[in-house]
Amino acid sequence: MRAAQEEAERDKEAILAEGRQIKAARNRAQVALRDGFKLLKAERQALGLSLTDIEQRTGIGRAALSRLENEAEPNPTLLTLTRYADAVGKQLVVGFKSEKGS
């Protein structure tokens, strides 16, 4: 037991650092999703489309669409994002860029 406690204490900072990195990555992803849905919602509204219109175009339930547009932490699949984007005449593009200073 003592050896396990000592090992955990030795690894504590590395474990905490990894946890902070994972949390930061999750936060960046949530911000990107939230911003993406803000853009899709704005496009839907600019086109004069209701959630019912998007439901008919995507097959995604109106309540689910509302949650995606309004939840602080939406968690859609790529297929859901693609279907919504298609419904408002947009294309989902996923990319990667180098981190700052890299």
PDB file of N, CA and C in Angstrom:
ATOM      1  N   MET A   1       0.828  -1.181   0.000  1.00  0.00           N
ATOM      2  CA  MET A   1       0.000   0.000   0.000  1.00  0.00           C
ATOM      3  C   MET A   1       0.875   1.248   0.000  1.00  0.00           C
ATOM      4  N   ARG A   2       1.889   1.223   0.830  1.00  0.00           N
ATOM      5  CA  ARG A   2       2.783   2.377   0.934  1.00  0.00           C
ATOM      6  C   ARG A   2       3.489   2.642  -0.409  1.00  0.00           C
ATOM      7  N   ALA A   3       3.918   1.576  -1.065  1.00  0.00           N
ATOM      8  CA  ALA A   3       4.594   1.718  -2.360  1.00  0.00           C
ATOM      9  C   ALA A   3       3.655   2.335  -3.395  1.00  0.00           C
ATOM     10  N   ALA A   4       2.402   1.931  -3.367  1.00  0.00           N
ATOM     11  CA  ALA A   4       1.421   2.482  -4.308  1.00  0.00           C
ATOM     12  C   ALA A   4       1.192   3.967  -4.029  1.00  0.00           C
ATOM     13  N   GLN A   5       1.122   4.338  -2.761  1.00  0.00           N
ATOM     14  CA  GLN A   5       0.953   5.741  -2.391  1.00  0.00           C
ATOM     15  C   GLN A   5       2.154   6.572  -2.836  1.00  0.00           C
ATOM     16  N   GLU A   6       3.340   6.044  -2.649  1.00  0.00           N
ATOM     17  CA  GLU A   6       4.550   6.755  -3.065  1.00  0.00           C
ATOM     18  C   GLU A   6       4.590   6.919  -4.579  1.00  0.00           C
ATOM     19  N   GLU A   7       4.210   5.863  -5.282  1.00  0.00           N
ATOM     20  CA  GLU A   7       4.190   5.942  -6.757  1.00  0.00           C
ATOM     21  C   GLU A   7       3.177   6.979  -7.226  1.00  0.00           C
ATOM     22  N   ALA A   8       2.007   6.976  -6.613  1.00  0.00           N
ATOM     23  CA  ALA A   8       0.970   7.949  -6.972  1.00  0.00           C
ATOM     24  C   ALA A   8       1.453   9.370  -6.693  1.00  0.00           C
ATOM     25  N   GLU A   9       2.120   9.562  -5.592  1.00  0.00           N
ATOM     26  CA  GLU A   9       2.643  10.891  -5.236  1.00  0.00           C
ATOM     27  C   GLU A   9       3.702  11.340  -6.239  1.00  0.00           C
ATOM     28  N   ARG A  10       4.570  10.407  -6.653  1.00  0.00           N
ATOM     29  CA  ARG A  10       5.604  10.732  -7.659  1.00  0.00           C
ATOM     30  C   ARG A  10       4.972  11.133  -8.990  1.00  0.00           C
ATOM     31  N   ASP A  11       3.886  10.458  -9.361  1.00  0.00           N
ATOM     32  CA  ASP A  11       3.250  10.685 -10.665  1.00  0.00           C
ATOM     33  C   ASP A  11       2.169  11.764 -10.632  1.00  0.00           C
ATOM     34  N   LYS A  12       1.905  12.297  -9.463  1.00  0.00           N
ATOM     35  CA  LYS A  12       0.790  13.229  -9.285  1.00  0.00           C
ATOM     36  C   LYS A  12       0.845  14.410 -10.255  1.00  0.00           C
ATOM     37  N   GLU A  13       1.964  15.081 -10.356  1.00  0.00           N
ATOM     38  CA  GLU A  13       2.058  16.265 -11.226  1.00  0.00           C
ATOM     39  C   GLU A  13       1.846  15.908 -12.695  1.00  0.00           C
ATOM     40  N   ALA A  14       2.402  14.790 -13.126  1.00  0.00           N
ATOM     41  CA  ALA A  14       2.219  14.366 -14.519  1.00  0.00           C
ATOM     42  C   ALA A  14       0.751  14.036 -14.793  1.00  0.00           C
ATOM     43  N   ILE A  15       0.109  13.384 -13.841  1.00  0.00           N
ATOM     44  CA  ILE A  15      -1.301  13.037 -13.998  1.00  0.00           C
ATOM     45  C   ILE A  15      -2.153  14.306 -14.049  1.00  0.00           C
ATOM     46  N   LEU A  16      -1.878  15.245 -13.160  1.00  0.00           N
ATOM     47  CA  LEU A  16      -2.622  16.507 -13.146  1.00  0.00           C
ATOM     48  C   LEU A  16      -2.390  17.304 -14.431  1.00  0.00           C
ATOM     49  N   ALA A  17      -1.155  17.325 -14.921  1.00  0.00           N
ATOM     50  CA  ALA A  17      -0.846  18.039 -16.162  1.00  0.00           C
ATOM     51  C   ALA A  17      -1.598  17.429 -17.337  1.00  0.00           C
ATOM     52  N   GLU A  18      -1.634  16.111 -17.393  1.00  0.00           N
ATOM     53  CA  GLU A  18      -2.364  15.435 -18.475  1.00  0.00           C
ATOM     54  C   GLU A  18      -3.858  15.744 -18.377  1.00  0.00           C
ATOM     55  N   GLY A  19      -4.382  15.751 -17.170  1.00  0.00           N
ATOM     56  CA  GLY A  19      -5.788  16.094 -16.973  1.00  0.00           C
ATOM     57  C   GLY A  19      -6.099  17.505 -17.435  1.00  0.00           C
ATOM     58  N   ARG A  20      -5.196  18.451 -17.160  1.00  0.00           N
ATOM     59  CA  ARG A  20      -5.394  19.835 -17.605  1.00  0.00           C
ATOM     60  C   ARG A  20      -5.376  19.923 -19.127  1.00  0.00           C
ATOM     61  N   GLN A  21      -4.490  19.161 -19.764  1.00  0.00           N
ATOM     62  CA  GLN A  21      -4.430  19.158 -21.232  1.00  0.00           C
ATOM     63  C   GLN A  21      -5.716  18.600 -21.829  1.00  0.00           C
ATOM     64  N   ILE A  22      -6.217  17.523 -21.270  1.00  0.00           N
ATOM     65  CA  ILE A  22      -7.454  16.910 -21.761  1.00  0.00           C
ATOM     66  C   ILE A  22      -8.623  17.869 -21.579  1.00  0.00           C
ATOM     67  N   LYS A  23      -8.684  18.515 -20.417  1.00  0.00           N
ATOM     68  CA  LYS A  23      -9.766  19.472 -20.156  1.00  0.00           C
ATOM     69  C   LYS A  23      -9.695  20.653 -21.121  1.00  0.00           C
ATOM     70  N   ALA A  24      -8.503  21.162 -21.387  1.00  0.00           N
ATOM     71  CA  ALA A  24      -8.348  22.281 -22.312  1.00  0.00           C
ATOM     72  C   ALA A  24      -8.774  21.884 -23.722  1.00  0.00           C
ATOM     73  N   ALA A  25      -8.416  20.688 -24.157  1.00  0.00           N
ATOM     74  CA  ALA A  25      -8.817  20.206 -25.483  1.00  0.00           C
ATOM     75  C   ALA A  25     -10.332  20.065 -25.564  1.00  0.00           C
ATOM     76  N   ARG A  26     -10.937  19.544 -24.518  1.00  0.00           N
ATOM     77  CA  ARG A  26     -12.399  19.404 -24.479  1.00  0.00           C
ATOM     78  C   ARG A  26     -13.062  20.776 -24.537  1.00  0.00           C
ATOM     79  N   ASN A  27     -12.520  21.732 -23.802  1.00  0.00           N
ATOM     80  CA  ASN A  27     -13.084  23.082 -23.808  1.00  0.00           C
ATOM     81  C   ASN A  27     -12.988  23.716 -25.190  1.00  0.00           C
ATOM     82  N   ARG A  28     -11.850  23.527 -25.869  1.00  0.00           N
ATOM     83  CA  ARG A  28     -11.708  24.078 -27.227  1.00  0.00           C
ATOM     84  C   ARG A  28     -12.724  23.445 -28.176  1.00  0.00           C
ATOM     85  N   ALA A  29     -12.913  22.143 -28.042  1.00  0.00           N
ATOM     86  CA  ALA A  29     -13.882  21.455 -28.897  1.00  0.00           C
ATOM     87  C   ALA A  29     -15.301  21.957 -28.624  1.00  0.00           C
ATOM     88  N   GLN A  30     -15.647  22.149 -27.368  1.00  0.00           N
ATOM     89  CA  GLN A  30     -16.985  22.635 -27.022  1.00  0.00           C
ATOM     90  C   GLN A  30     -17.216  24.039 -27.572  1.00  0.00           C
ATOM     91  N   VAL A  31     -16.215  24.898 -27.491  1.00  0.00           N
ATOM     92  CA  VAL A  31     -16.339  26.255 -28.034  1.00  0.00           C
ATOM     93  C   VAL A  31     -16.536  26.191 -29.549  1.00  0.00           C
ATOM     94  N   ALA A  32     -15.777  25.341 -30.208  1.00  0.00           N
ATOM     95  CA  ALA A  32     -15.901  25.210 -31.665  1.00  0.00           C
ATOM     96  C   ALA A  32     -17.292  24.711 -32.048  1.00  0.00           C
ATOM     97  N   LEU A  33     -17.806  23.719 -31.327  1.00  0.00           N
ATOM     98  CA  LEU A  33     -19.149  23.215 -31.619  1.00  0.00           C
ATOM     99  C   LEU A  33     -20.206  24.276 -31.368  1.00  0.00           C
ATOM    100  N   ARG A  34     -20.092  24.961 -30.244  1.00  0.00           N
ATOM    101  CA  ARG A  34     -21.065  25.999 -29.902  1.00  0.00           C
ATOM    102  C   ARG A  34     -21.047  27.107 -30.964  1.00  0.00           C
ATOM    103  N   ASP A  35     -19.842  27.518 -31.385  1.00  0.00           N
ATOM    104  CA  ASP A  35     -19.726  28.544 -32.428  1.00  0.00           C
ATOM    105  C   ASP A  35     -20.290  28.048 -33.753  1.00  0.00           C
ATOM    106  N   GLY A  36     -20.037  26.777 -34.065  1.00  0.00           N
ATOM    107  CA  GLY A  36     -20.571  26.204 -35.302  1.00  0.00           C
ATOM    108  C   GLY A  36     -22.085  26.220 -35.320  1.00  0.00           C
ATOM    109  N   PHE A  37     -22.696  25.854 -34.203  1.00  0.00           N
ATOM    110  CA  PHE A  37     -24.151  25.865 -34.158  1.00  0.00           C
ATOM    111  C   PHE A  37     -24.719  27.273 -34.157  1.00  0.00           C
ATOM    112  N   LYS A  38     -23.992  28.236 -33.614  1.00  0.00           N
ATOM    113  CA  LYS A  38     -24.435  29.633 -33.709  1.00  0.00           C
ATOM    114  C   LYS A  38     -24.487  30.065 -35.170  1.00  0.00           C
ATOM    115  N   LEU A  39     -23.444  29.663 -35.921  1.00  0.00           N
ATOM    116  CA  LEU A  39     -23.410  29.996 -37.347  1.00  0.00           C
ATOM    117  C   LEU A  39     -24.539  29.311 -38.112  1.00  0.00           C
ATOM    118  N   LEU A  40     -24.779  28.035 -37.820  1.00  0.00           N
ATOM    119  CA  LEU A  40     -25.853  27.314 -38.504  1.00  0.00           C
ATOM    120  C   LEU A  40     -27.217  27.914 -38.162  1.00  0.00           C
ATOM    121  N   LYS A  41     -27.413  28.262 -36.895  1.00  0.00           N
ATOM    122  CA  LYS A  41     -28.672  28.873 -36.480  1.00  0.00           C
ATOM    123  C   LYS A  41     -28.863  30.222 -37.181  1.00  0.00           C
ATOM    124  N   ALA A  42     -27.802  31.018 -37.233  1.00  0.00           N
ATOM    125  CA  ALA A  42     -27.882  32.313 -37.912  1.00  0.00           C
ATOM    126  C   ALA A  42     -28.212  32.132 -39.392  1.00  0.00           C
ATOM    127  N   GLU A  43     -27.619  31.137 -40.021  1.00  0.00           N
ATOM    128  CA  GLU A  43     -27.901  30.865 -41.436  1.00  0.00           C
ATOM    129  C   GLU A  43     -29.350  30.412 -41.614  1.00  0.00           C
ATOM    130  N   ARG A  44     -29.809  29.545 -40.724  1.00  0.00           N
ATOM    131  CA  ARG A  44     -31.205  29.087 -40.779  1.00  0.00           C
ATOM    132  C   ARG A  44     -32.151  30.273 -40.692  1.00  0.00           C
ATOM    133  N   GLN A  45     -31.884  31.159 -39.737  1.00  0.00           N
ATOM    134  CA  GLN A  45     -32.745  32.321 -39.549  1.00  0.00           C
ATOM    135  C   GLN A  45     -32.659  33.278 -40.736  1.00  0.00           C
ATOM    136  N   ALA A  46     -31.455  33.469 -41.285  1.00  0.00           N
ATOM    137  CA  ALA A  46     -31.286  34.342 -42.454  1.00  0.00           C
ATOM    138  C   ALA A  46     -32.061  33.817 -43.656  1.00  0.00           C
ATOM    139  N   LEU A  47     -32.173  32.503 -43.738  1.00  0.00           N
ATOM    140  CA  LEU A  47     -32.928  31.890 -44.840  1.00  0.00           C
ATOM    141  C   LEU A  47     -34.428  31.860 -44.560  1.00  0.00           C
ATOM    142  N   GLY A  48     -34.816  32.287 -43.366  1.00  0.00           N
ATOM    143  CA  GLY A  48     -36.227  32.288 -42.993  1.00  0.00           C
ATOM    144  C   GLY A  48     -36.772  30.898 -42.710  1.00  0.00           C
ATOM    145  N   LEU A  49     -35.897  29.986 -42.312  1.00  0.00           N
ATOM    146  CA  LEU A  49     -36.309  28.611 -42.050  1.00  0.00           C
ATOM    147  C   LEU A  49     -36.592  28.405 -40.565  1.00  0.00           C
ATOM    148  N   SER A  50     -37.617  27.646 -40.275  1.00  0.00           N
ATOM    149  CA  SER A  50     -37.946  27.294 -38.894  1.00  0.00           C
ATOM    150  C   SER A  50     -37.267  25.981 -38.543  1.00  0.00           C
ATOM    151  N   LEU A  51     -37.302  25.646 -37.263  1.00  0.00           N
ATOM    152  CA  LEU A  51     -36.788  24.343 -36.853  1.00  0.00           C
ATOM    153  C   LEU A  51     -37.592  23.217 -37.494  1.00  0.00           C
ATOM    154  N   THR A  52     -38.875  23.454 -37.705  1.00  0.00           N
ATOM    155  CA  THR A  52     -39.711  22.451 -38.375  1.00  0.00           C
ATOM    156  C   THR A  52     -39.219  22.228 -39.808  1.00  0.00           C
ATOM    157  N   ASP A  53     -38.827  23.308 -40.485  1.00  0.00           N
ATOM    158  CA  ASP A  53     -38.271  23.170 -41.839  1.00  0.00           C
ATOM    159  C   ASP A  53     -36.996  22.328 -41.821  1.00  0.00           C
ATOM    160  N   ILE A  54     -36.129  22.597 -40.839  1.00  0.00           N
ATOM    161  CA  ILE A  54     -34.876  21.840 -40.739  1.00  0.00           C
ATOM    162  C   ILE A  54     -35.171  20.386 -40.378  1.00  0.00           C
ATOM    163  N   GLU A  55     -36.152  20.183 -39.520  1.00  0.00           N
ATOM    164  CA  GLU A  55     -36.554  18.813 -39.169  1.00  0.00           C
ATOM    165  C   GLU A  55     -36.969  18.046 -40.421  1.00  0.00           C
ATOM    166  N   GLN A  56     -37.751  18.685 -41.270  1.00  0.00           N
ATOM    167  CA  GLN A  56     -38.208  18.025 -42.493  1.00  0.00           C
ATOM    168  C   GLN A  56     -37.055  17.749 -43.447  1.00  0.00           C
ATOM    169  N   ARG A  57     -36.086  18.636 -43.482  1.00  0.00           N
ATOM    170  CA  ARG A  57     -34.951  18.467 -44.392  1.00  0.00           C
ATOM    171  C   ARG A  57     -33.932  17.445 -43.885  1.00  0.00           C
ATOM    172  N   THR A  58     -33.837  17.284 -42.557  1.00  0.00           N
ATOM    173  CA  THR A  58     -32.786  16.436 -41.992  1.00  0.00           C
ATOM    174  C   THR A  58     -33.291  15.126 -41.403  1.00  0.00           C
ATOM    175  N   GLY A  59     -34.564  15.106 -40.995  1.00  0.00           N
ATOM    176  CA  GLY A  59     -35.080  13.950 -40.281  1.00  0.00           C
ATOM    177  C   GLY A  59     -34.698  13.956 -38.810  1.00  0.00           C
ATOM    178  N   ILE A  60     -34.065  15.034 -38.359  1.00  0.00           N
ATOM    179  CA  ILE A  60     -33.689  15.179 -36.948  1.00  0.00           C
ATOM    180  C   ILE A  60     -34.852  15.859 -36.240  1.00  0.00           C
ATOM    181  N   GLY A  61     -35.253  15.335 -35.094  1.00  0.00           N
ATOM    182  CA  GLY A  61     -36.386  15.886 -34.368  1.00  0.00           C
ATOM    183  C   GLY A  61     -36.196  17.347 -33.986  1.00  0.00           C
ATOM    184  N   ARG A  62     -37.315  18.075 -33.975  1.00  0.00           N
ATOM    185  CA  ARG A  62     -37.292  19.507 -33.664  1.00  0.00           C
ATOM    186  C   ARG A  62     -36.682  19.773 -32.289  1.00  0.00           C
ATOM    187  N   ALA A  63     -37.045  18.969 -31.293  1.00  0.00           N
ATOM    188  CA  ALA A  63     -36.510  19.164 -29.945  1.00  0.00           C
ATOM    189  C   ALA A  63     -34.990  18.960 -29.928  1.00  0.00           C
ATOM    190  N   ALA A  64     -34.526  17.959 -30.650  1.00  0.00           N
ATOM    191  CA  ALA A  64     -33.080  17.710 -30.718  1.00  0.00           C
ATOM    192  C   ALA A  64     -32.364  18.871 -31.409  1.00  0.00           C
ATOM    193  N   LEU A  65     -32.960  19.398 -32.470  1.00  0.00           N
ATOM    194  CA  LEU A  65     -32.378  20.550 -33.159  1.00  0.00           C
ATOM    195  C   LEU A  65     -32.290  21.754 -32.225  1.00  0.00           C
ATOM    196  N   SER A  66     -33.339  21.985 -31.477  1.00  0.00           N
ATOM    197  CA  SER A  66     -33.347  23.102 -30.531  1.00  0.00           C
ATOM    198  C   SER A  66     -32.238  22.938 -29.494  1.00  0.00           C
ATOM    199  N   ARG A  67     -32.083  21.719 -28.980  1.00  0.00           N
ATOM    200  CA  ARG A  67     -31.012  21.476 -28.005  1.00  0.00           C
ATOM    201  C   ARG A  67     -29.646  21.729 -28.631  1.00  0.00           C
ATOM    202  N   LEU A  68     -29.457  21.285 -29.861  1.00  0.00           N
ATOM    203  CA  LEU A  68     -28.168  21.494 -30.525  1.00  0.00           C
ATOM    204  C   LEU A  68     -27.865  22.976 -30.699  1.00  0.00           C
ATOM    205  N   GLU A  69     -28.877  23.745 -31.015  1.00  0.00           N
ATOM    206  CA  GLU A  69     -28.676  25.174 -31.213  1.00  0.00           C
ATOM    207  C   GLU A  69     -28.470  25.937 -29.906  1.00  0.00           C
ATOM    208  N   ASN A  70     -29.023  25.433 -28.823  1.00  0.00           N
ATOM    209  CA  ASN A  70     -29.065  26.228 -27.598  1.00  0.00           C
ATOM    210  C   ASN A  70     -28.287  25.692 -26.413  1.00  0.00           C
ATOM    211  N   GLU A  71     -27.908  24.437 -26.420  1.00  0.00           N
ATOM    212  CA  GLU A  71     -27.181  23.882 -25.280  1.00  0.00           C
ATOM    213  C   GLU A  71     -25.767  24.446 -25.209  1.00  0.00           C
ATOM    214  N   ALA A  72     -25.278  24.609 -23.997  1.00  0.00           N
ATOM    215  CA  ALA A  72     -23.918  25.097 -23.798  1.00  0.00           C
ATOM    216  C   ALA A  72     -22.887  24.063 -24.243  1.00  0.00           C
ATOM    217  N   GLU A  73     -23.241  22.781 -24.148  1.00  0.00           N
ATOM    218  CA  GLU A  73     -22.307  21.721 -24.522  1.00  0.00           C
ATOM    219  C   GLU A  73     -22.968  20.704 -25.448  1.00  0.00           C
ATOM    220  N   PRO A  74     -23.246  21.122 -26.697  1.00  0.00           N
ATOM    221  CA  PRO A  74     -23.839  20.158 -27.626  1.00  0.00           C
ATOM    222  C   PRO A  74     -22.837  19.045 -27.909  1.00  0.00           C
ATOM    223  N   ASN A  75     -23.355  17.866 -28.214  1.00  0.00           N
ATOM    224  CA  ASN A  75     -22.470  16.731 -28.474  1.00  0.00           C
ATOM    225  C   ASN A  75     -22.975  15.948 -29.690  1.00  0.00           C
ATOM    226  N   PRO A  76     -23.004  16.608 -30.854  1.00  0.00           N
ATOM    227  CA  PRO A  76     -23.538  15.935 -32.040  1.00  0.00           C
ATOM    228  C   PRO A  76     -22.509  15.012 -32.683  1.00  0.00           C
ATOM    229  N   THR A  77     -23.007  14.121 -33.504  1.00  0.00           N
ATOM    230  CA  THR A  77     -22.113  13.316 -34.338  1.00  0.00           C
ATOM    231  C   THR A  77     -21.755  14.142 -35.572  1.00  0.00           C
ATOM    232  N   LEU A  78     -20.722  13.720 -36.282  1.00  0.00           N
ATOM    233  CA  LEU A  78     -20.375  14.402 -37.532  1.00  0.00           C
ATOM    234  C   LEU A  78     -21.509  14.275 -38.541  1.00  0.00           C
ATOM    235  N   LEU A  79     -22.211  13.152 -38.524  1.00  0.00           N
ATOM    236  CA  LEU A  79     -23.342  12.971 -39.428  1.00  0.00           C
ATOM    237  C   LEU A  79     -24.430  13.999 -39.137  1.00  0.00           C
ATOM    238  N   THR A  80     -24.720  14.242 -37.869  1.00  0.00           N
ATOM    239  CA  THR A  80     -25.731  15.243 -37.498  1.00  0.00           C
ATOM    240  C   THR A  80     -25.303  16.630 -37.963  1.00  0.00           C
ATOM    241  N   LEU A  81     -24.060  16.984 -37.731  1.00  0.00           N
ATOM    242  CA  LEU A  81     -23.564  18.283 -38.193  1.00  0.00           C
ATOM    243  C   LEU A  81     -23.673  18.407 -39.707  1.00  0.00           C
ATOM    244  N   THR A  82     -23.309  17.355 -40.397  1.00  0.00           N
ATOM    245  CA  THR A  82     -23.366  17.361 -41.860  1.00  0.00           C
ATOM    246  C   THR A  82     -24.800  17.524 -42.355  1.00  0.00           C
ATOM    247  N   ARG A  83     -25.723  16.802 -41.752  1.00  0.00           N
ATOM    248  CA  ARG A  83     -27.131  16.892 -42.161  1.00  0.00           C
ATOM    249  C   ARG A  83     -27.680  18.290 -41.936  1.00  0.00           C
ATOM    250  N   TYR A  84     -27.369  18.883 -40.797  1.00  0.00           N
ATOM    251  CA  TYR A  84     -27.848  20.242 -40.509  1.00  0.00           C
ATOM    252  C   TYR A  84     -27.222  21.229 -41.503  1.00  0.00           C
ATOM    253  N   ALA A  85     -25.903  21.131 -41.703  1.00  0.00           N
ATOM    254  CA  ALA A  85     -25.231  22.031 -42.638  1.00  0.00           C
ATOM    255  C   ALA A  85     -25.836  21.915 -44.038  1.00  0.00           C
ATOM    256  N   ASP A  86     -26.047  20.696 -44.498  1.00  0.00           N
ATOM    257  CA  ASP A  86     -26.664  20.485 -45.817  1.00  0.00           C
ATOM    258  C   ASP A  86     -28.042  21.144 -45.894  1.00  0.00           C
ATOM    259  N   ALA A  87     -28.789  21.076 -44.812  1.00  0.00           N
ATOM    260  CA  ALA A  87     -30.152  21.611 -44.789  1.00  0.00           C
ATOM    261  C   ALA A  87     -30.187  23.122 -44.985  1.00  0.00           C
ATOM    262  N   VAL A  88     -29.089  23.803 -44.639  1.00  0.00           N
ATOM    263  CA  VAL A  88     -29.040  25.259 -44.827  1.00  0.00           C
ATOM    264  C   VAL A  88     -28.080  25.647 -45.955  1.00  0.00           C
ATOM    265  N   GLY A  89     -27.734  24.668 -46.795  1.00  0.00           N
ATOM    266  CA  GLY A  89     -26.911  24.949 -47.965  1.00  0.00           C
ATOM    267  C   GLY A  89     -25.436  25.141 -47.663  1.00  0.00           C
ATOM    268  N   LYS A  90     -24.986  24.581 -46.579  1.00  0.00           N
ATOM    269  CA  LYS A  90     -23.576  24.683 -46.205  1.00  0.00           C
ATOM    270  C   LYS A  90     -22.930  23.312 -46.244  1.00  0.00           C
ATOM    271  N   GLN A  91     -21.601  23.299 -46.243  1.00  0.00           N
ATOM    272  CA  GLN A  91     -20.849  22.059 -46.228  1.00  0.00           C
ATOM    273  C   GLN A  91     -19.971  22.047 -44.989  1.00  0.00           C
ATOM    274  N   LEU A  92     -20.005  20.948 -44.247  1.00  0.00           N
ATOM    275  CA  LEU A  92     -19.135  20.795 -43.084  1.00  0.00           C
ATOM    276  C   LEU A  92     -17.721  20.526 -43.564  1.00  0.00           C
ATOM    277  N   VAL A  93     -16.778  21.313 -43.066  1.00  0.00           N
ATOM    278  CA  VAL A  93     -15.370  21.137 -43.393  1.00  0.00           C
ATOM    279  C   VAL A  93     -14.624  20.994 -42.073  1.00  0.00           C
ATOM    280  N   VAL A  94     -13.886  19.919 -41.924  1.00  0.00           N
ATOM    281  CA  VAL A  94     -13.105  19.670 -40.715  1.00  0.00           C
ATOM    282  C   VAL A  94     -11.643  19.806 -41.080  1.00  0.00           C
ATOM    283  N   GLY A  95     -10.906  20.544 -40.283  1.00  0.00           N
ATOM    284  CA  GLY A  95      -9.488  20.729 -40.579  1.00  0.00           C
ATOM    285  C   GLY A  95      -8.671  20.808 -39.306  1.00  0.00           C
ATOM    286  N   PHE A  96      -7.386  20.858 -39.492  1.00  0.00           N
ATOM    287  CA  PHE A  96      -6.453  20.971 -38.388  1.00  0.00           C
ATOM    288  C   PHE A  96      -5.490  22.095 -38.697  1.00  0.00           C
ATOM    289  N   LYS A  97      -5.036  22.779 -37.659  1.00  0.00           N
ATOM    290  CA  LYS A  97      -4.008  23.793 -37.843  1.00  0.00           C
ATOM    291  C   LYS A  97      -2.995  23.659 -36.724  1.00  0.00           C
ATOM    292  N   SER A  98      -1.827  24.157 -36.951  1.00  0.00           N
ATOM    293  CA  SER A  98      -0.769  24.085 -35.962  1.00  0.00           C
ATOM    294  C   SER A  98      -1.120  24.956 -34.759  1.00  0.00           C
ATOM    295  N   GLU A  99      -0.662  24.509 -33.605  1.00  0.00           N
ATOM    296  CA  GLU A  99      -0.861  25.308 -32.407  1.00  0.00           C
ATOM    297  C   GLU A  99      -0.008  26.556 -32.487  1.00  0.00           C
ATOM    298  N   LYS A 100      -0.355  27.575 -31.733  1.00  0.00           N
ATOM    299  CA  LYS A 100       0.408  28.816 -31.695  1.00  0.00           C
ATOM    300  C   LYS A 100       1.853  28.523 -31.348  1.00  0.00           C
ATOM    301  N   GLY A 101       2.750  29.153 -32.074  1.00  0.00           N
ATOM    302  CA  GLY A 101       4.167  28.996 -31.786  1.00  0.00           C
ATOM    303  C   GLY A 101       4.800  27.740 -32.339  1.00  0.00           C
ATOM    304  N   SER A 102       4.010  26.918 -33.021  1.00  0.00           N
ATOM    305  CA  SER A 102       4.564  25.673 -33.581  1.00  0.00           C
ATOM    306  C   SER A 102       5.014  25.887 -35.009  1.00  0.00           C
TER     307      SER A 102
END
